[in-house]
Amino acid sequence: MDDNQKLALYRAIAISTASSPLILPLVTPQSRSQAFHTLEEFKKYPGRATVILELLQTERHILPIIDNNGTSNNVDITASTKLYVLTVLQSFLKTDYAKISNNENDRLAIRNAVMVAARQLLQQSMSNPDNTNTNNNNSATRN
C-alpha cells in the first residue's frame, strides 16, 4: 500500500467518524459513500495484515486537510484509525488466522501490535482527551 492509498484510507476513516470539527466540511453524502467504499475495499485488500501491523505500531496518524479558508490543518485521527484497524484485524483473525498459524513470528507480531496500539490509545486518552488538531505541518504519519 503506497502513501496515496494510506492517505485515502485516513481520509475515509476521518470522514466516516467525523471526530473533529475540522472534518465536518468534508462530510457530504458523496464523501461518505466514497469513504464507505474505501473502508470496505481495505477489508478485502490482500496485503491488509501487513498494513494493519504497520498502522497499529505507528504512534500517531495525522490527516492533513485544507479548510474552506485555505488554511492547512493537521487532524489527529490516531484513535479512529486504530479502532478501525482493530476491527478489521478482528475480522481477519476470524477468517484468515489459520493461514498464518504455522508461523509463530507472525502470530507474535500481531499480538505485540495489538498491545502497542492499546498502550498508545490509553496514553493518548489519559494525556490529552481532546487532541483533535495539531495545527502544524507534519506528514501523514509519524513513527
N, C-alpha and C. Protein backbone atom coordinates (compact mmCIF):
# COMPACT_ATOMS: atom_id res chain seq x y z
N MET A 1 0.85 -1.17 0.00
CA MET A 1 0.00 0.00 0.00
C MET A 1 0.90 1.23 0.00
N ASP A 2 0.72 2.09 -1.00
CA ASP A 2 1.57 3.28 -1.10
C ASP A 2 0.99 4.43 -0.27
N ASP A 3 1.73 5.54 -0.23
CA ASP A 3 1.33 6.68 0.60
C ASP A 3 -0.01 7.28 0.18
N ASN A 4 -0.28 7.32 -1.11
CA ASN A 4 -1.57 7.86 -1.58
C ASN A 4 -2.73 6.98 -1.12
N GLN A 5 -2.53 5.67 -1.16
CA GLN A 5 -3.58 4.76 -0.69
C GLN A 5 -3.80 4.90 0.81
N LYS A 6 -2.71 5.08 1.57
CA LYS A 6 -2.85 5.28 3.01
C LYS A 6 -3.58 6.59 3.30
N LEU A 7 -3.24 7.63 2.55
CA LEU A 7 -3.91 8.92 2.73
C LEU A 7 -5.40 8.79 2.43
N ALA A 8 -5.75 8.04 1.39
CA ALA A 8 -7.16 7.80 1.06
C ALA A 8 -7.84 7.03 2.19
N LEU A 9 -7.13 6.07 2.76
CA LEU A 9 -7.68 5.32 3.89
C LEU A 9 -7.89 6.24 5.09
N TYR A 10 -6.90 7.07 5.40
CA TYR A 10 -7.03 8.02 6.51
C TYR A 10 -8.21 8.96 6.30
N ARG A 11 -8.34 9.45 5.09
CA ARG A 11 -9.45 10.36 4.77
C ARG A 11 -10.79 9.65 4.95
N ALA A 12 -10.87 8.40 4.50
CA ALA A 12 -12.10 7.63 4.65
C ALA A 12 -12.43 7.40 6.12
N ILE A 13 -11.43 7.10 6.92
CA ILE A 13 -11.63 6.90 8.36
C ILE A 13 -12.11 8.21 8.99
N ALA A 14 -11.46 9.31 8.64
CA ALA A 14 -11.82 10.60 9.21
C ALA A 14 -13.25 11.00 8.84
N ILE A 15 -13.61 10.80 7.59
CA ILE A 15 -14.96 11.16 7.14
C ILE A 15 -16.00 10.25 7.79
N SER A 16 -15.71 8.98 7.90
CA SER A 16 -16.70 8.06 8.47
C SER A 16 -16.91 8.29 9.95
N THR A 17 -15.89 8.79 10.66
CA THR A 17 -16.04 9.03 12.10
C THR A 17 -16.39 10.48 12.41
N ALA A 18 -16.00 11.40 11.52
CA ALA A 18 -16.24 12.83 11.73
C ALA A 18 -15.93 13.23 13.17
N SER A 19 -14.75 12.84 13.63
CA SER A 19 -14.38 13.02 15.03
C SER A 19 -13.82 14.41 15.35
N SER A 20 -13.66 15.25 14.37
CA SER A 20 -13.13 16.59 14.60
C SER A 20 -14.00 17.60 13.87
N PRO A 21 -14.22 18.77 14.47
CA PRO A 21 -14.97 19.81 13.77
C PRO A 21 -14.33 20.21 12.45
N LEU A 22 -13.02 20.04 12.33
CA LEU A 22 -12.32 20.38 11.09
C LEU A 22 -12.69 19.44 9.95
N ILE A 23 -13.18 18.26 10.29
CA ILE A 23 -13.56 17.26 9.28
C ILE A 23 -14.96 17.53 8.74
N LEU A 24 -15.82 18.12 9.53
CA LEU A 24 -17.23 18.26 9.16
C LEU A 24 -17.48 18.88 7.78
N PRO A 25 -16.71 19.89 7.34
CA PRO A 25 -16.96 20.40 5.98
C PRO A 25 -16.67 19.39 4.88
N LEU A 26 -15.89 18.36 5.18
CA LEU A 26 -15.58 17.33 4.19
C LEU A 26 -16.68 16.28 4.08
N VAL A 27 -17.58 16.26 5.06
CA VAL A 27 -18.60 15.22 5.11
C VAL A 27 -19.81 15.61 4.26
N THR A 28 -19.97 14.89 3.17
CA THR A 28 -21.12 15.06 2.28
C THR A 28 -21.66 13.66 1.98
N PRO A 29 -22.85 13.57 1.43
CA PRO A 29 -23.34 12.23 1.07
C PRO A 29 -22.37 11.49 0.13
N GLN A 30 -21.81 12.22 -0.83
CA GLN A 30 -20.87 11.59 -1.76
C GLN A 30 -19.58 11.16 -1.05
N SER A 31 -19.03 12.02 -0.18
CA SER A 31 -17.79 11.65 0.51
C SER A 31 -18.02 10.50 1.47
N ARG A 32 -19.19 10.44 2.10
CA ARG A 32 -19.50 9.32 2.99
C ARG A 32 -19.60 8.01 2.20
N SER A 33 -20.19 8.09 1.02
CA SER A 33 -20.29 6.90 0.16
C SER A 33 -18.90 6.44 -0.29
N GLN A 34 -18.06 7.40 -0.69
CA GLN A 34 -16.69 7.06 -1.09
C GLN A 34 -15.91 6.48 0.09
N ALA A 35 -16.08 7.07 1.26
CA ALA A 35 -15.38 6.58 2.45
C ALA A 35 -15.80 5.15 2.77
N PHE A 36 -17.10 4.89 2.71
CA PHE A 36 -17.59 3.54 2.96
C PHE A 36 -16.96 2.56 1.97
N HIS A 37 -16.94 2.93 0.70
CA HIS A 37 -16.36 2.07 -0.33
C HIS A 37 -14.87 1.81 -0.06
N THR A 38 -14.13 2.84 0.28
CA THR A 38 -12.70 2.70 0.58
C THR A 38 -12.48 1.78 1.77
N LEU A 39 -13.27 1.96 2.83
CA LEU A 39 -13.11 1.13 4.02
C LEU A 39 -13.47 -0.33 3.74
N GLU A 40 -14.50 -0.55 2.94
CA GLU A 40 -14.87 -1.91 2.59
C GLU A 40 -13.81 -2.56 1.69
N GLU A 41 -13.23 -1.79 0.78
CA GLU A 41 -12.18 -2.33 -0.10
C GLU A 41 -10.94 -2.70 0.71
N PHE A 42 -10.63 -1.90 1.73
CA PHE A 42 -9.46 -2.23 2.56
C PHE A 42 -9.66 -3.57 3.25
N LYS A 43 -10.87 -3.87 3.66
CA LYS A 43 -11.14 -5.15 4.32
C LYS A 43 -10.83 -6.34 3.42
N LYS A 44 -10.85 -6.13 2.09
CA LYS A 44 -10.58 -7.19 1.13
C LYS A 44 -9.15 -7.12 0.57
N TYR A 45 -8.41 -6.09 0.92
CA TYR A 45 -7.07 -5.88 0.39
C TYR A 45 -6.17 -7.05 0.79
N PRO A 46 -5.52 -7.70 -0.18
CA PRO A 46 -4.72 -8.89 0.11
C PRO A 46 -3.57 -8.64 1.10
N GLY A 47 -2.99 -7.45 1.09
CA GLY A 47 -1.88 -7.15 1.98
C GLY A 47 -2.29 -6.46 3.27
N ARG A 48 -3.56 -6.60 3.64
CA ARG A 48 -4.06 -5.85 4.79
C ARG A 48 -3.39 -6.24 6.10
N ALA A 49 -2.96 -7.49 6.25
CA ALA A 49 -2.33 -7.90 7.51
C ALA A 49 -1.07 -7.09 7.77
N THR A 50 -0.25 -6.91 6.75
CA THR A 50 0.97 -6.12 6.89
C THR A 50 0.65 -4.66 7.19
N VAL A 51 -0.34 -4.11 6.49
CA VAL A 51 -0.74 -2.72 6.71
C VAL A 51 -1.33 -2.55 8.11
N ILE A 52 -2.12 -3.52 8.55
CA ILE A 52 -2.70 -3.46 9.89
C ILE A 52 -1.59 -3.39 10.94
N LEU A 53 -0.59 -4.25 10.80
CA LEU A 53 0.52 -4.22 11.75
C LEU A 53 1.22 -2.87 11.75
N GLU A 54 1.46 -2.35 10.57
CA GLU A 54 2.13 -1.05 10.45
C GLU A 54 1.29 0.06 11.10
N LEU A 55 0.00 0.07 10.81
CA LEU A 55 -0.86 1.13 11.35
C LEU A 55 -1.02 1.01 12.87
N LEU A 56 -1.06 -0.21 13.37
CA LEU A 56 -1.16 -0.39 14.82
C LEU A 56 0.11 0.04 15.53
N GLN A 57 1.25 -0.15 14.88
CA GLN A 57 2.52 0.17 15.51
C GLN A 57 2.92 1.63 15.33
N THR A 58 2.28 2.34 14.42
CA THR A 58 2.57 3.76 14.21
C THR A 58 1.97 4.55 15.36
N GLU A 59 2.78 5.39 15.96
CA GLU A 59 2.34 6.10 17.16
C GLU A 59 1.18 7.05 16.90
N ARG A 60 1.28 7.84 15.82
CA ARG A 60 0.22 8.82 15.53
C ARG A 60 -0.13 8.79 14.07
N HIS A 61 -1.40 9.05 13.80
CA HIS A 61 -1.90 9.14 12.44
C HIS A 61 -2.48 10.54 12.26
N ILE A 62 -1.90 11.27 11.33
CA ILE A 62 -2.27 12.67 11.10
C ILE A 62 -2.79 12.81 9.69
N LEU A 63 -3.96 13.45 9.56
CA LEU A 63 -4.54 13.72 8.25
C LEU A 63 -4.40 15.20 7.95
N PRO A 64 -3.60 15.56 6.93
CA PRO A 64 -3.52 16.98 6.55
C PRO A 64 -4.76 17.36 5.75
N ILE A 65 -5.38 18.45 6.13
CA ILE A 65 -6.55 18.94 5.39
C ILE A 65 -6.43 20.44 5.19
N ILE A 66 -7.11 20.94 4.19
CA ILE A 66 -7.19 22.37 3.93
C ILE A 66 -8.64 22.76 4.09
N ASP A 67 -8.90 23.72 4.99
CA ASP A 67 -10.29 24.10 5.24
C ASP A 67 -10.80 25.04 4.15
N ASN A 68 -12.04 25.48 4.28
CA ASN A 68 -12.67 26.34 3.28
C ASN A 68 -11.98 27.67 3.10
N ASN A 69 -11.21 28.09 4.09
CA ASN A 69 -10.47 29.35 4.01
C ASN A 69 -9.07 29.18 3.43
N GLY A 70 -8.73 27.95 3.06
CA GLY A 70 -7.41 27.69 2.51
C GLY A 70 -6.34 27.46 3.57
N THR A 71 -6.75 27.36 4.82
CA THR A 71 -5.81 27.14 5.92
C THR A 71 -5.50 25.66 6.04
N SER A 72 -4.22 25.36 6.13
CA SER A 72 -3.77 23.98 6.27
C SER A 72 -3.82 23.58 7.74
N ASN A 73 -4.44 22.47 8.01
CA ASN A 73 -4.53 21.93 9.37
C ASN A 73 -4.17 20.46 9.33
N ASN A 74 -3.68 19.97 10.43
CA ASN A 74 -3.43 18.55 10.58
C ASN A 74 -4.34 18.03 11.67
N VAL A 75 -5.13 17.04 11.33
CA VAL A 75 -6.08 16.48 12.27
C VAL A 75 -5.55 15.13 12.75
N ASP A 76 -5.49 14.98 14.05
CA ASP A 76 -5.04 13.72 14.64
C ASP A 76 -6.20 12.72 14.58
N ILE A 77 -6.02 11.67 13.81
CA ILE A 77 -7.04 10.64 13.68
C ILE A 77 -6.52 9.30 14.23
N THR A 78 -5.61 9.38 15.17
CA THR A 78 -4.98 8.18 15.70
C THR A 78 -6.00 7.22 16.30
N ALA A 79 -6.84 7.70 17.19
CA ALA A 79 -7.80 6.82 17.86
C ALA A 79 -8.75 6.19 16.85
N SER A 80 -9.29 6.98 15.95
CA SER A 80 -10.21 6.45 14.93
C SER A 80 -9.54 5.41 14.06
N THR A 81 -8.30 5.68 13.67
CA THR A 81 -7.56 4.75 12.81
C THR A 81 -7.30 3.44 13.53
N LYS A 82 -6.83 3.53 14.74
CA LYS A 82 -6.50 2.30 15.48
C LYS A 82 -7.77 1.49 15.76
N LEU A 83 -8.86 2.15 16.11
CA LEU A 83 -10.10 1.41 16.36
C LEU A 83 -10.61 0.73 15.10
N TYR A 84 -10.55 1.43 13.97
CA TYR A 84 -10.97 0.82 12.71
C TYR A 84 -10.08 -0.38 12.37
N VAL A 85 -8.77 -0.19 12.49
CA VAL A 85 -7.83 -1.26 12.14
C VAL A 85 -7.99 -2.46 13.07
N LEU A 86 -8.27 -2.20 14.35
CA LEU A 86 -8.52 -3.31 15.26
C LEU A 86 -9.77 -4.09 14.86
N THR A 87 -10.78 -3.39 14.37
CA THR A 87 -11.99 -4.06 13.89
C THR A 87 -11.68 -4.92 12.67
N VAL A 88 -10.89 -4.39 11.75
CA VAL A 88 -10.50 -5.17 10.56
C VAL A 88 -9.65 -6.36 10.98
N LEU A 89 -8.76 -6.15 11.95
CA LEU A 89 -7.93 -7.25 12.44
C LEU A 89 -8.80 -8.34 13.06
N GLN A 90 -9.81 -7.96 13.81
CA GLN A 90 -10.71 -8.94 14.40
C GLN A 90 -11.34 -9.82 13.32
N SER A 91 -11.79 -9.19 12.25
CA SER A 91 -12.37 -9.94 11.13
C SER A 91 -11.33 -10.83 10.48
N PHE A 92 -10.13 -10.29 10.29
CA PHE A 92 -9.03 -11.06 9.70
C PHE A 92 -8.72 -12.30 10.54
N LEU A 93 -8.70 -12.13 11.85
CA LEU A 93 -8.38 -13.26 12.72
C LEU A 93 -9.45 -14.35 12.63
N LYS A 94 -10.68 -13.96 12.43
CA LYS A 94 -11.77 -14.94 12.30
C LYS A 94 -11.67 -15.73 11.00
N THR A 95 -11.24 -15.06 9.93
CA THR A 95 -11.27 -15.71 8.61
C THR A 95 -9.93 -16.21 8.11
N ASP A 96 -8.84 -15.53 8.44
CA ASP A 96 -7.55 -15.85 7.83
C ASP A 96 -6.45 -16.22 8.81
N TYR A 97 -6.74 -16.27 10.09
CA TYR A 97 -5.70 -16.57 11.08
C TYR A 97 -5.09 -17.95 10.86
N ALA A 98 -5.90 -18.89 10.44
CA ALA A 98 -5.40 -20.26 10.22
C ALA A 98 -4.30 -20.28 9.17
N LYS A 99 -4.35 -19.35 8.25
CA LYS A 99 -3.33 -19.31 7.19
C LYS A 99 -1.96 -18.92 7.72
N ILE A 100 -1.91 -18.25 8.87
CA ILE A 100 -0.61 -17.87 9.44
C ILE A 100 -0.29 -18.66 10.70
N SER A 101 -1.12 -19.63 11.03
CA SER A 101 -0.95 -20.34 12.30
C SER A 101 0.35 -21.14 12.39
N ASN A 102 0.98 -21.44 11.26
CA ASN A 102 2.23 -22.17 11.30
C ASN A 102 3.44 -21.27 11.51
N ASN A 103 3.24 -19.97 11.46
CA ASN A 103 4.35 -19.04 11.62
C ASN A 103 4.20 -18.29 12.95
N GLU A 104 4.91 -18.76 13.93
CA GLU A 104 4.81 -18.18 15.28
C GLU A 104 5.26 -16.71 15.30
N ASN A 105 6.23 -16.35 14.46
CA ASN A 105 6.69 -14.95 14.43
C ASN A 105 5.57 -14.00 13.99
N ASP A 106 4.79 -14.41 12.99
CA ASP A 106 3.67 -13.58 12.53
C ASP A 106 2.61 -13.45 13.61
N ARG A 107 2.31 -14.55 14.28
CA ARG A 107 1.31 -14.50 15.34
C ARG A 107 1.78 -13.61 16.48
N LEU A 108 3.06 -13.71 16.83
CA LEU A 108 3.62 -12.87 17.88
C LEU A 108 3.60 -11.40 17.47
N ALA A 109 3.90 -11.11 16.22
CA ALA A 109 3.87 -9.73 15.73
C ALA A 109 2.46 -9.14 15.86
N ILE A 110 1.45 -9.93 15.55
CA ILE A 110 0.07 -9.46 15.68
C ILE A 110 -0.25 -9.17 17.14
N ARG A 111 0.09 -10.09 18.01
CA ARG A 111 -0.18 -9.87 19.45
C ARG A 111 0.52 -8.63 19.95
N ASN A 112 1.79 -8.47 19.59
CA ASN A 112 2.55 -7.30 20.04
C ASN A 112 1.97 -6.00 19.49
N ALA A 113 1.55 -6.01 18.23
CA ALA A 113 0.98 -4.81 17.62
C ALA A 113 -0.31 -4.40 18.33
N VAL A 114 -1.12 -5.37 18.70
CA VAL A 114 -2.36 -5.06 19.42
C VAL A 114 -2.03 -4.45 20.78
N MET A 115 -1.06 -4.99 21.47
CA MET A 115 -0.68 -4.44 22.77
C MET A 115 -0.09 -3.04 22.64
N VAL A 116 0.74 -2.81 21.63
CA VAL A 116 1.30 -1.48 21.40
C VAL A 116 0.18 -0.48 21.13
N ALA A 117 -0.76 -0.85 20.28
CA ALA A 117 -1.88 0.03 19.95
C ALA A 117 -2.71 0.33 21.19
N ALA A 118 -2.97 -0.68 22.00
CA ALA A 118 -3.76 -0.47 23.21
C ALA A 118 -3.05 0.49 24.16
N ARG A 119 -1.75 0.32 24.34
CA ARG A 119 -0.99 1.23 25.20
C ARG A 119 -1.02 2.66 24.66
N GLN A 120 -0.84 2.80 23.35
CA GLN A 120 -0.85 4.14 22.74
C GLN A 120 -2.20 4.81 22.90
N LEU A 121 -3.27 4.07 22.69
CA LEU A 121 -4.61 4.64 22.86
C LEU A 121 -4.85 5.04 24.31
N LEU A 122 -4.41 4.23 25.23
CA LEU A 122 -4.56 4.53 26.65
C LEU A 122 -3.77 5.78 27.02
N GLN A 123 -2.52 5.85 26.59
CA GLN A 123 -1.69 7.02 26.88
C GLN A 123 -2.28 8.28 26.26
N GLN A 124 -2.76 8.18 25.04
CA GLN A 124 -3.34 9.33 24.37
C GLN A 124 -4.59 9.83 25.10
N SER A 125 -5.44 8.90 25.50
CA SER A 125 -6.67 9.31 26.17
C SER A 125 -6.39 9.89 27.55
N MET A 126 -5.35 9.42 28.20
CA MET A 126 -5.02 9.94 29.53
C MET A 126 -4.30 11.28 29.46
N SER A 127 -3.45 11.47 28.45
CA SER A 127 -2.65 12.69 28.39
C SER A 127 -3.35 13.85 27.71
N ASN A 128 -4.23 13.57 26.74
CA ASN A 128 -4.89 14.64 26.02
C ASN A 128 -6.21 14.13 25.45
N PRO A 129 -7.28 14.17 26.23
CA PRO A 129 -8.54 13.59 25.77
C PRO A 129 -9.16 14.30 24.58
N ASP A 130 -8.78 15.54 24.29
CA ASP A 130 -9.35 16.25 23.14
C ASP A 130 -8.25 16.70 22.20
N ASN A 131 -7.48 15.74 21.70
CA ASN A 131 -6.35 16.03 20.82
C ASN A 131 -6.78 15.87 19.37
N THR A 132 -7.59 16.83 18.87
CA THR A 132 -8.12 16.69 17.52
C THR A 132 -7.37 17.49 16.48
N ASN A 133 -6.66 18.54 16.86
CA ASN A 133 -6.00 19.38 15.87
C ASN A 133 -4.59 19.69 16.33
N THR A 134 -3.61 19.27 15.57
CA THR A 134 -2.23 19.54 15.94
C THR A 134 -1.71 20.83 15.34
N ASN A 135 -2.40 21.39 14.34
CA ASN A 135 -2.08 22.68 13.73
C ASN A 135 -0.60 22.86 13.39
N ASN A 136 0.00 21.85 12.80
CA ASN A 136 1.35 22.00 12.28
C ASN A 136 1.46 21.21 11.00
N ASN A 137 2.59 21.27 10.37
CA ASN A 137 2.72 20.65 9.05
C ASN A 137 3.57 19.39 9.12
N ASN A 138 3.00 18.33 9.67
CA ASN A 138 3.69 17.05 9.73
C ASN A 138 3.22 16.19 8.57
N SER A 139 3.92 15.10 8.35
CA SER A 139 3.49 14.18 7.30
C SER A 139 2.27 13.42 7.77
N ALA A 140 1.74 12.56 6.91
CA ALA A 140 0.51 11.84 7.23
C ALA A 140 0.66 10.94 8.44
N THR A 141 1.83 10.39 8.68
CA THR A 141 2.05 9.58 9.86
C THR A 141 3.38 9.94 10.48
N ARG A 142 3.45 9.70 11.78
CA ARG A 142 4.72 9.84 12.47
C ARG A 142 4.96 8.57 13.25
N ASN A 143 6.18 8.09 13.20
CA ASN A 143 6.52 6.89 13.98
C ASN A 143 7.13 7.31 15.28
